[in-house]
Amino acid sequence: MLGRVNKIVGQLQGVGRMISENRECPDILHTISAVHSALRGLEAKLLEDHVRHCVCEAAADPERLDQRLEELIALYKRRLA
């Protein structure tokens, strides 16, 4: 995951350089689109790991499981807002 984060940071720094170099807007927008895509990929991987590990581990304890499920529901609702 840290590798993904570092790649995103590098892309964002690239956007800053592009702006300071007065690069063409479509080029900058293309790079911003790549950052969005990378963030969505990171988000999906993190959510998958959360479900596979945190939620599954909580399955043995009904109270913890309920808490983890509420977290997932809240995350999903925020995503739709």
N, C-alpha and C. Protein backbone atom coordinates (compact mmCIF):
# COMPACT_ATOMS: atom_id res chain seq x y z
N MET A 1 0.82 -1.19 0.00
CA MET A 1 0.00 0.00 0.00
C MET A 1 0.86 1.25 0.00
N LEU A 2 1.96 1.21 0.73
CA LEU A 2 2.82 2.39 0.76
C LEU A 2 3.39 2.69 -0.63
N GLY A 3 3.63 1.65 -1.40
CA GLY A 3 4.09 1.86 -2.77
C GLY A 3 3.07 2.63 -3.59
N ARG A 4 1.80 2.28 -3.40
CA ARG A 4 0.73 3.00 -4.11
C ARG A 4 0.67 4.45 -3.66
N VAL A 5 0.78 4.66 -2.35
CA VAL A 5 0.73 6.03 -1.82
C VAL A 5 1.90 6.84 -2.37
N ASN A 6 3.09 6.27 -2.38
CA ASN A 6 4.26 6.99 -2.89
C ASN A 6 4.09 7.34 -4.37
N LYS A 7 3.48 6.43 -5.13
CA LYS A 7 3.24 6.70 -6.55
C LYS A 7 2.27 7.88 -6.70
N ILE A 8 1.23 7.89 -5.88
CA ILE A 8 0.25 8.98 -5.93
C ILE A 8 0.92 10.31 -5.57
N VAL A 9 1.74 10.30 -4.54
CA VAL A 9 2.46 11.51 -4.13
C VAL A 9 3.33 12.00 -5.28
N GLY A 10 4.01 11.08 -5.95
CA GLY A 10 4.84 11.46 -7.09
C GLY A 10 4.02 12.07 -8.22
N GLN A 11 2.84 11.49 -8.46
CA GLN A 11 1.97 12.04 -9.49
C GLN A 11 1.51 13.45 -9.12
N LEU A 12 1.17 13.65 -7.86
CA LEU A 12 0.74 14.99 -7.43
C LEU A 12 1.87 16.00 -7.53
N GLN A 13 3.06 15.59 -7.19
CA GLN A 13 4.20 16.48 -7.35
C GLN A 13 4.41 16.82 -8.82
N GLY A 14 4.16 15.83 -9.66
CA GLY A 14 4.25 16.06 -11.11
C GLY A 14 3.24 17.09 -11.57
N VAL A 15 2.04 17.05 -11.01
CA VAL A 15 1.02 18.05 -11.35
C VAL A 15 1.53 19.43 -10.96
N GLY A 16 2.11 19.55 -9.79
CA GLY A 16 2.66 20.83 -9.35
C GLY A 16 3.73 21.34 -10.30
N ARG A 17 4.62 20.44 -10.73
CA ARG A 17 5.67 20.84 -11.68
C ARG A 17 5.06 21.26 -13.01
N MET A 18 4.06 20.53 -13.45
CA MET A 18 3.42 20.86 -14.72
C MET A 18 2.80 22.25 -14.67
N ILE A 19 2.16 22.56 -13.56
CA ILE A 19 1.55 23.88 -13.41
C ILE A 19 2.62 24.96 -13.39
N SER A 20 3.69 24.74 -12.64
CA SER A 20 4.75 25.75 -12.56
C SER A 20 5.47 25.93 -13.89
N GLU A 21 5.45 24.89 -14.73
CA GLU A 21 6.07 24.97 -16.06
C GLU A 21 5.09 25.47 -17.12
N ASN A 22 3.88 25.84 -16.69
CA ASN A 22 2.85 26.32 -17.62
C ASN A 22 2.56 25.33 -18.74
N ARG A 23 2.48 24.04 -18.37
CA ARG A 23 2.17 23.00 -19.35
C ARG A 23 0.73 23.16 -19.82
N GLU A 24 0.42 22.52 -20.91
CA GLU A 24 -0.92 22.57 -21.49
C GLU A 24 -1.95 22.00 -20.52
N CYS A 25 -3.10 22.65 -20.44
CA CYS A 25 -4.17 22.22 -19.53
C CYS A 25 -4.59 20.77 -19.76
N PRO A 26 -4.77 20.32 -21.01
CA PRO A 26 -5.17 18.92 -21.20
C PRO A 26 -4.15 17.93 -20.63
N ASP A 27 -2.87 18.27 -20.70
CA ASP A 27 -1.84 17.40 -20.13
C ASP A 27 -1.97 17.32 -18.61
N ILE A 28 -2.20 18.47 -18.00
CA ILE A 28 -2.35 18.52 -16.53
C ILE A 28 -3.62 17.76 -16.12
N LEU A 29 -4.70 17.98 -16.84
CA LEU A 29 -5.95 17.29 -16.53
C LEU A 29 -5.82 15.78 -16.70
N HIS A 30 -5.06 15.36 -17.68
CA HIS A 30 -4.82 13.92 -17.87
C HIS A 30 -4.09 13.34 -16.66
N THR A 31 -3.11 14.05 -16.16
CA THR A 31 -2.37 13.58 -14.99
C THR A 31 -3.26 13.58 -13.75
N ILE A 32 -4.09 14.59 -13.60
CA ILE A 32 -5.02 14.64 -12.47
C ILE A 32 -5.98 13.45 -12.54
N SER A 33 -6.42 13.12 -13.74
CA SER A 33 -7.30 11.96 -13.92
C SER A 33 -6.59 10.67 -13.48
N ALA A 34 -5.31 10.58 -13.78
CA ALA A 34 -4.52 9.41 -13.36
C ALA A 34 -4.42 9.34 -11.84
N VAL A 35 -4.30 10.50 -11.19
CA VAL A 35 -4.26 10.56 -9.72
C VAL A 35 -5.59 10.07 -9.15
N HIS A 36 -6.69 10.54 -9.72
CA HIS A 36 -8.02 10.09 -9.27
C HIS A 36 -8.13 8.57 -9.38
N SER A 37 -7.69 8.04 -10.50
CA SER A 37 -7.77 6.61 -10.73
C SER A 37 -6.91 5.84 -9.71
N ALA A 38 -5.72 6.35 -9.46
CA ALA A 38 -4.83 5.70 -8.49
C ALA A 38 -5.43 5.75 -7.09
N LEU A 39 -6.06 6.86 -6.73
CA LEU A 39 -6.71 6.96 -5.42
C LEU A 39 -7.89 5.99 -5.31
N ARG A 40 -8.67 5.86 -6.37
CA ARG A 40 -9.78 4.90 -6.35
C ARG A 40 -9.26 3.48 -6.20
N GLY A 41 -8.16 3.16 -6.86
CA GLY A 41 -7.55 1.83 -6.73
C GLY A 41 -7.07 1.58 -5.31
N LEU A 42 -6.44 2.58 -4.71
CA LEU A 42 -5.98 2.47 -3.32
C LEU A 42 -7.16 2.28 -2.39
N GLU A 43 -8.20 3.06 -2.60
CA GLU A 43 -9.41 2.97 -1.78
C GLU A 43 -10.02 1.57 -1.88
N ALA A 44 -10.11 1.03 -3.09
CA ALA A 44 -10.69 -0.30 -3.29
C ALA A 44 -9.86 -1.37 -2.60
N LYS A 45 -8.54 -1.27 -2.70
CA LYS A 45 -7.66 -2.26 -2.07
C LYS A 45 -7.78 -2.18 -0.55
N LEU A 46 -7.81 -0.98 -0.02
CA LEU A 46 -7.93 -0.81 1.42
C LEU A 46 -9.26 -1.35 1.94
N LEU A 47 -10.33 -1.08 1.20
CA LEU A 47 -11.65 -1.60 1.58
C LEU A 47 -11.66 -3.12 1.52
N GLU A 48 -11.08 -3.68 0.48
CA GLU A 48 -11.01 -5.14 0.36
C GLU A 48 -10.25 -5.74 1.54
N ASP A 49 -9.11 -5.16 1.87
CA ASP A 49 -8.33 -5.66 3.01
C ASP A 49 -9.11 -5.53 4.31
N HIS A 50 -9.84 -4.44 4.46
CA HIS A 50 -10.64 -4.23 5.66
C HIS A 50 -11.69 -5.33 5.80
N VAL A 51 -12.37 -5.63 4.71
CA VAL A 51 -13.40 -6.67 4.75
C VAL A 51 -12.78 -8.03 5.01
N ARG A 52 -11.71 -8.34 4.30
CA ARG A 52 -11.08 -9.66 4.42
C ARG A 52 -10.46 -9.88 5.80
N HIS A 53 -9.94 -8.85 6.41
CA HIS A 53 -9.24 -9.04 7.69
C HIS A 53 -10.06 -8.57 8.88
N CYS A 54 -10.34 -7.30 8.93
CA CYS A 54 -11.00 -6.73 10.11
C CYS A 54 -12.41 -7.27 10.31
N VAL A 55 -13.19 -7.29 9.24
CA VAL A 55 -14.57 -7.75 9.37
C VAL A 55 -14.61 -9.25 9.62
N CYS A 56 -13.82 -10.00 8.89
CA CYS A 56 -13.82 -11.46 9.08
C CYS A 56 -13.33 -11.84 10.47
N GLU A 57 -12.32 -11.16 10.98
CA GLU A 57 -11.84 -11.44 12.33
C GLU A 57 -12.90 -11.13 13.38
N ALA A 58 -13.71 -10.13 13.11
CA ALA A 58 -14.75 -9.73 14.06
C ALA A 58 -15.94 -10.69 14.06
N ALA A 59 -16.00 -11.57 13.08
CA ALA A 59 -17.14 -12.48 12.96
C ALA A 59 -17.33 -13.37 14.19
N ALA A 60 -16.26 -13.63 14.92
CA ALA A 60 -16.35 -14.48 16.11
C ALA A 60 -17.04 -13.78 17.28
N ASP A 61 -17.09 -12.46 17.24
CA ASP A 61 -17.67 -11.68 18.32
C ASP A 61 -18.82 -10.84 17.75
N PRO A 62 -20.08 -11.21 18.04
CA PRO A 62 -21.22 -10.51 17.43
C PRO A 62 -21.21 -9.00 17.65
N GLU A 63 -20.76 -8.54 18.81
CA GLU A 63 -20.73 -7.10 19.08
C GLU A 63 -19.69 -6.41 18.19
N ARG A 64 -18.51 -7.00 18.09
CA ARG A 64 -17.46 -6.43 17.23
C ARG A 64 -17.88 -6.49 15.77
N LEU A 65 -18.53 -7.58 15.39
CA LEU A 65 -18.98 -7.71 14.01
C LEU A 65 -19.98 -6.61 13.68
N ASP A 66 -20.90 -6.36 14.58
CA ASP A 66 -21.89 -5.30 14.37
C ASP A 66 -21.19 -3.96 14.21
N GLN A 67 -20.17 -3.71 15.02
CA GLN A 67 -19.41 -2.45 14.93
C GLN A 67 -18.73 -2.33 13.56
N ARG A 68 -18.10 -3.41 13.13
CA ARG A 68 -17.41 -3.39 11.82
C ARG A 68 -18.40 -3.20 10.68
N LEU A 69 -19.56 -3.85 10.78
CA LEU A 69 -20.57 -3.69 9.74
C LEU A 69 -21.10 -2.27 9.70
N GLU A 70 -21.29 -1.67 10.87
CA GLU A 70 -21.72 -0.27 10.92
C GLU A 70 -20.68 0.64 10.28
N GLU A 71 -19.40 0.34 10.50
CA GLU A 71 -18.33 1.12 9.85
C GLU A 71 -18.46 1.03 8.33
N LEU A 72 -18.67 -0.18 7.83
CA LEU A 72 -18.79 -0.37 6.38
C LEU A 72 -20.00 0.38 5.83
N ILE A 73 -21.11 0.31 6.54
CA ILE A 73 -22.31 1.01 6.09
C ILE A 73 -22.06 2.51 6.06
N ALA A 74 -21.41 3.05 7.08
CA ALA A 74 -21.11 4.48 7.12
C ALA A 74 -20.18 4.87 5.98
N LEU A 75 -19.17 4.05 5.71
CA LEU A 75 -18.25 4.33 4.60
C LEU A 75 -19.00 4.34 3.28
N TYR A 76 -19.88 3.39 3.10
CA TYR A 76 -20.65 3.30 1.87
C TYR A 76 -21.57 4.51 1.70
N LYS A 77 -22.23 4.91 2.78
CA LYS A 77 -23.12 6.07 2.70
C LYS A 77 -22.35 7.34 2.37
N ARG A 78 -21.17 7.51 2.97
CA ARG A 78 -20.35 8.69 2.66
C ARG A 78 -19.91 8.68 1.22
N ARG A 79 -19.63 7.50 0.70
CA ARG A 79 -19.18 7.36 -0.69
C ARG A 79 -20.28 7.80 -1.65
N LEU A 80 -21.54 7.53 -1.27
CA LEU A 80 -22.66 7.90 -2.14
C LEU A 80 -23.01 9.38 -2.05
N ALA A 81 -22.63 10.02 -0.95
CA ALA A 81 -23.00 11.43 -0.75
C ALA A 81 -22.20 12.36 -1.65
